[in-house]
């Protein structure tokens, strides 16, 4: 082990060497006035090359990383916006297609029901014409409809109602009845069915949801 005295001698020698080196450097600086500027230039160059420039490079690298991250975030925002816009467009088109499909179903159902109703009306009045022709050969008597008080739910009108003209022959239509020809009664029945199906169509169309599913 190195003794304490040896350590003191070693430290003393190192200190003496340092003093001698500093003295030689000072003498060198004082020997020529150009030595001092050269020394300062060398120190500045050393500081610039080994200290300042590495720091600037690190700062520049950090700035580049920050700019790159910002650009990537911006591009990500744009991509998300485009994706959201495309999705909104897709949902809008899908919703429009759904609405059209539901409306077409309602139109088809109402049209089918109306055609069935009108066909049934035509068949019923054709039978009525046939019976009337069999009962009264060569004569087309009017179809009597009960007046108010005689039957609930009659089509319309009272004796003398201008909207439902009575038969021309008063002797063929009793006073307590509103008389229509078979053709007039058929048209009135058809119009009633059309009005009913129009109501069904309006109620069905009003029940269609136009807003996309899931929205409030």
Protein backbone atom coordinates (compact mmCIF):
# COMPACT_ATOMS: atom_id res chain seq x y z
CA UNK A 1 0.00 0.00 0.00
CA UNK A 2 1.12 3.51 -0.81
CA UNK A 3 1.92 5.38 2.37
CA UNK A 4 0.66 8.85 3.23
CA UNK A 5 4.09 10.31 2.68
CA UNK A 6 4.29 8.86 -0.80
CA UNK A 7 0.95 10.42 -1.67
CA UNK A 8 2.20 13.78 -0.44
CA UNK A 9 5.30 13.53 -2.55
CA UNK A 10 3.28 12.53 -5.59
CA UNK A 11 0.87 15.42 -5.11
CA UNK A 12 3.71 17.82 -4.52
CA UNK A 13 5.43 16.70 -7.74
CA UNK A 14 2.24 17.02 -9.74
CA UNK A 15 1.63 20.49 -8.36
CA UNK A 16 5.14 21.55 -9.18
CA UNK A 17 4.74 20.21 -12.71
CA UNK A 18 1.50 22.14 -13.10
CA UNK A 19 3.13 25.33 -11.92
CA UNK A 20 6.03 24.84 -14.30
CA UNK A 21 3.63 24.22 -17.19
CA UNK A 22 1.59 27.32 -16.40
CA UNK A 23 4.75 29.38 -16.09
CA UNK A 24 6.04 28.13 -19.45
CA UNK A 25 2.66 28.88 -21.10
CA UNK A 26 2.60 32.37 -19.60
CA UNK A 27 6.11 33.04 -20.80
CA UNK A 28 5.13 31.83 -24.27
CA UNK A 29 2.18 34.16 -24.35
CA UNK A 30 4.30 37.10 -23.26
CA UNK A 31 7.14 36.40 -25.65
CA UNK A 32 5.06 37.37 -28.72
CA UNK A 33 1.86 39.45 -28.82
CA UNK A 34 0.48 37.18 -31.54
CA UNK A 35 0.51 34.17 -29.25
CA UNK A 36 -2.38 35.47 -27.12
CA UNK A 37 -4.81 35.96 -30.05
CA UNK A 38 -3.84 32.60 -31.45
CA UNK A 39 -4.50 30.98 -28.10
CA UNK A 40 -7.90 32.67 -27.81
CA UNK A 41 -8.75 31.62 -31.35
CA UNK A 42 -7.77 28.05 -30.61
CA UNK A 43 -9.85 28.00 -27.45
CA UNK A 44 -12.83 29.45 -29.28
CA UNK A 45 -12.38 26.95 -32.11
CA UNK A 46 -12.19 24.09 -29.63
CA UNK A 47 -15.35 25.29 -27.87
CA UNK A 48 -17.15 25.72 -31.16
CA UNK A 49 -16.20 22.34 -32.59
CA UNK A 50 -16.51 20.20 -29.51
CA UNK A 51 -19.23 22.01 -27.54
CA UNK A 52 -21.32 24.46 -29.51
CA UNK A 53 -21.74 22.59 -32.79
CA UNK A 54 -22.77 19.28 -31.12
CA UNK A 55 -25.38 21.18 -29.12
CA UNK A 56 -26.70 22.86 -32.25
CA UNK A 57 -26.85 19.49 -34.00
CA UNK A 58 -28.78 18.02 -31.10
CA UNK A 59 -31.18 20.97 -31.12
CA UNK A 60 -31.60 20.67 -34.88
CA UNK A 61 -32.29 16.95 -34.64
CA UNK A 62 -34.87 17.58 -31.92
CA UNK A 63 -36.50 20.31 -34.04
CA UNK A 64 -36.63 17.99 -37.04
CA UNK A 65 -38.26 15.29 -34.94
CA UNK A 66 -40.78 17.79 -33.63
CA UNK A 67 -41.58 19.03 -37.14
CA UNK A 68 -41.91 15.46 -38.37
CA UNK A 69 -44.21 14.54 -35.49
CA UNK A 70 -46.31 17.67 -36.12
CA UNK A 71 -46.58 16.87 -39.82
CA UNK A 72 -47.55 13.29 -39.09
CA UNK A 73 -50.19 14.47 -36.62
CA UNK A 74 -51.52 16.93 -39.20
CA UNK A 75 -51.64 14.26 -41.87
CA UNK A 76 -53.39 11.95 -39.42
CA UNK A 77 -55.98 14.63 -38.72
CA UNK A 78 -56.60 15.10 -42.45
CA UNK A 79 -56.87 11.35 -42.97
CA UNK A 80 -59.33 11.04 -40.07
CA UNK A 81 -61.39 13.90 -41.48
CA UNK A 82 -61.48 12.27 -44.91
CA UNK A 83 -62.44 8.92 -43.38
CA UNK A 84 -65.19 10.56 -41.31
CA UNK A 85 -66.49 12.42 -44.36
CA UNK A 86 -66.52 9.22 -46.43
CA UNK A 87 -68.31 7.37 -43.64
CA UNK A 88 -70.89 10.15 -43.31
CA UNK A 89 -71.47 10.06 -47.08
CA UNK A 90 -71.83 6.28 -46.98
CA UNK A 91 -74.32 6.46 -44.12
CA UNK A 92 -76.30 9.20 -45.87
CA UNK A 93 -76.51 7.16 -49.08
CA UNK A 94 -77.49 4.04 -47.14
CA UNK A 95 -80.14 5.99 -45.24
CA UNK A 96 -81.54 7.47 -48.46
CA UNK A 97 -81.70 3.99 -49.98
CA UNK A 98 -83.49 2.68 -46.87
CA UNK A 99 -86.04 5.52 -47.00
CA UNK A 100 -86.71 4.93 -50.71
CA UNK A 101 -87.10 1.19 -50.10
CA UNK A 102 -89.58 1.73 -47.24
CA UNK A 103 -91.55 4.25 -49.29
CA UNK A 104 -91.69 1.88 -52.24
CA UNK A 105 -92.97 -0.90 -49.98
CA UNK A 106 -95.73 1.40 -48.71
CA UNK A 107 -96.60 2.49 -52.25
CA UNK A 108 -96.76 -1.13 -53.46
CA UNK A 109 -98.90 -2.25 -50.52
CA UNK A 110 -101.36 0.65 -50.84
CA UNK A 111 -101.58 0.24 -54.63
CA UNK A 112 -102.12 -3.53 -54.28
CA UNK A 113 -104.83 -3.03 -51.65
CA UNK A 114 -106.54 -0.32 -53.71
CA UNK A 115 -106.58 -2.50 -56.81
CA UNK A 116 -108.03 -5.35 -54.78
CA UNK A 117 -110.69 -3.02 -53.33
CA UNK A 118 -111.64 -1.61 -56.73
CA UNK A 119 -111.80 -5.09 -58.24
CA UNK A 120 -114.10 -6.21 -55.43
CA UNK A 121 -116.29 -3.11 -55.91
CA UNK A 122 -116.53 -3.72 -59.65
CA UNK A 123 -117.42 -7.37 -59.11
CA UNK A 124 -120.09 -6.47 -56.55
CA UNK A 125 -121.72 -3.87 -58.76
CA UNK A 126 -121.51 -6.17 -61.79
CA UNK A 127 -123.54 -8.72 -59.80
CA UNK A 128 -125.94 -5.96 -58.83
CA UNK A 129 -126.38 -4.97 -62.48
CA UNK A 130 -126.98 -8.58 -63.43
CA UNK A 131 -129.66 -9.03 -60.76
CA UNK A 132 -131.25 -5.70 -61.67
CA UNK A 133 -131.31 -6.62 -65.36
CA UNK A 134 -132.85 -10.02 -64.55
CA UNK A 135 -135.50 -8.46 -62.34
CA UNK A 136 -136.29 -5.59 -64.73
CA UNK A 137 -135.60 -6.62 -68.32
CA UNK A 138 -134.93 -3.66 -70.61
CA UNK A 139 -134.91 -1.18 -67.70
CA UNK A 140 -132.02 0.30 -65.66
CA UNK A 141 -133.55 1.28 -62.32
CA UNK A 142 -131.57 3.39 -59.88
CA UNK A 143 -129.96 1.78 -56.84
CA UNK A 144 -131.75 3.03 -53.70
CA UNK A 145 -129.61 3.95 -50.71
CA UNK A 146 -131.22 4.38 -47.26
CA UNK A 147 -131.75 7.95 -46.12
CA UNK A 148 -130.72 9.30 -42.72
CA UNK A 149 -132.21 7.32 -39.88
CA UNK A 150 -132.97 4.28 -41.96
CA UNK A 151 -129.46 2.77 -42.01
CA UNK A 152 -126.29 3.74 -40.13
CA UNK A 153 -123.23 4.23 -42.27
CA UNK A 154 -125.03 5.12 -45.53
CA UNK A 155 -122.82 6.65 -48.21
CA UNK A 156 -124.09 10.25 -48.04
CA UNK A 157 -126.90 12.70 -48.53
CA UNK A 158 -130.57 13.17 -47.80
CA UNK A 159 -133.54 13.56 -50.13
CA UNK A 160 -132.91 16.45 -52.44
CA UNK A 161 -129.14 16.56 -51.80
CA UNK A 162 -127.59 18.26 -54.83
CA UNK A 163 -124.28 16.40 -54.35
CA UNK A 164 -126.02 13.09 -54.91
CA UNK A 165 -128.64 13.66 -57.64
CA UNK A 166 -131.81 11.67 -57.23
CA UNK A 167 -133.23 9.54 -59.96
CA UNK A 168 -134.97 11.44 -62.68
CA UNK A 169 -138.08 9.40 -62.27
CA UNK A 170 -139.50 10.36 -58.87
CA UNK A 171 -141.99 7.57 -59.05
CA UNK A 172 -139.11 5.07 -59.14
CA UNK A 173 -137.44 6.46 -55.99
CA UNK A 174 -139.39 6.47 -52.72
CA UNK A 175 -139.35 9.70 -50.77
CA UNK A 176 -137.47 8.19 -47.83
CA UNK A 177 -134.49 7.11 -49.98
CA UNK A 178 -131.59 8.89 -51.70
CA UNK A 179 -131.45 7.26 -55.09
CA UNK A 180 -128.36 6.81 -57.22
CA UNK A 181 -127.91 4.94 -60.41
CA UNK A 182 -125.80 1.83 -60.23
CA UNK A 183 -122.96 3.63 -62.01
CA UNK A 184 -123.14 6.57 -59.60
CA UNK A 185 -123.13 4.28 -56.59
CA UNK A 186 -120.15 2.37 -58.01
CA UNK A 187 -118.16 5.57 -58.51
CA UNK A 188 -119.03 6.75 -55.01
CA UNK A 189 -117.88 3.43 -53.55
CA UNK A 190 -114.65 3.57 -55.57
CA UNK A 191 -113.96 7.12 -54.39
CA UNK A 192 -114.50 6.06 -50.78
CA UNK A 193 -111.96 3.27 -51.15
CA UNK A 194 -109.48 5.66 -52.82
CA UNK A 195 -109.82 8.11 -49.95
CA UNK A 196 -109.29 5.35 -47.40
CA UNK A 197 -106.17 4.08 -49.16
CA UNK A 198 -104.90 7.64 -49.49
CA UNK A 199 -105.18 7.98 -45.72
CA UNK A 200 -103.34 4.68 -45.29
CA UNK A 201 -100.61 5.92 -47.64
CA UNK A 202 -100.22 9.23 -45.78
CA UNK A 203 -100.03 7.48 -42.41
CA UNK A 204 -97.48 5.00 -43.74
CA UNK A 205 -95.31 7.70 -45.28
CA UNK A 206 -95.39 9.78 -42.10
CA UNK A 207 -94.12 6.78 -40.12
CA UNK A 208 -90.98 6.47 -42.28
CA UNK A 209 -87.90 7.63 -40.37
CA UNK A 210 -85.85 10.01 -42.51
CA UNK A 211 -83.00 10.50 -40.02
CA UNK A 212 -80.22 7.86 -40.06
CA UNK A 213 -80.68 5.01 -37.62
CA UNK A 214 -78.97 5.66 -34.31
CA UNK A 215 -79.28 9.45 -34.57
CA UNK A 216 -81.50 11.41 -32.23
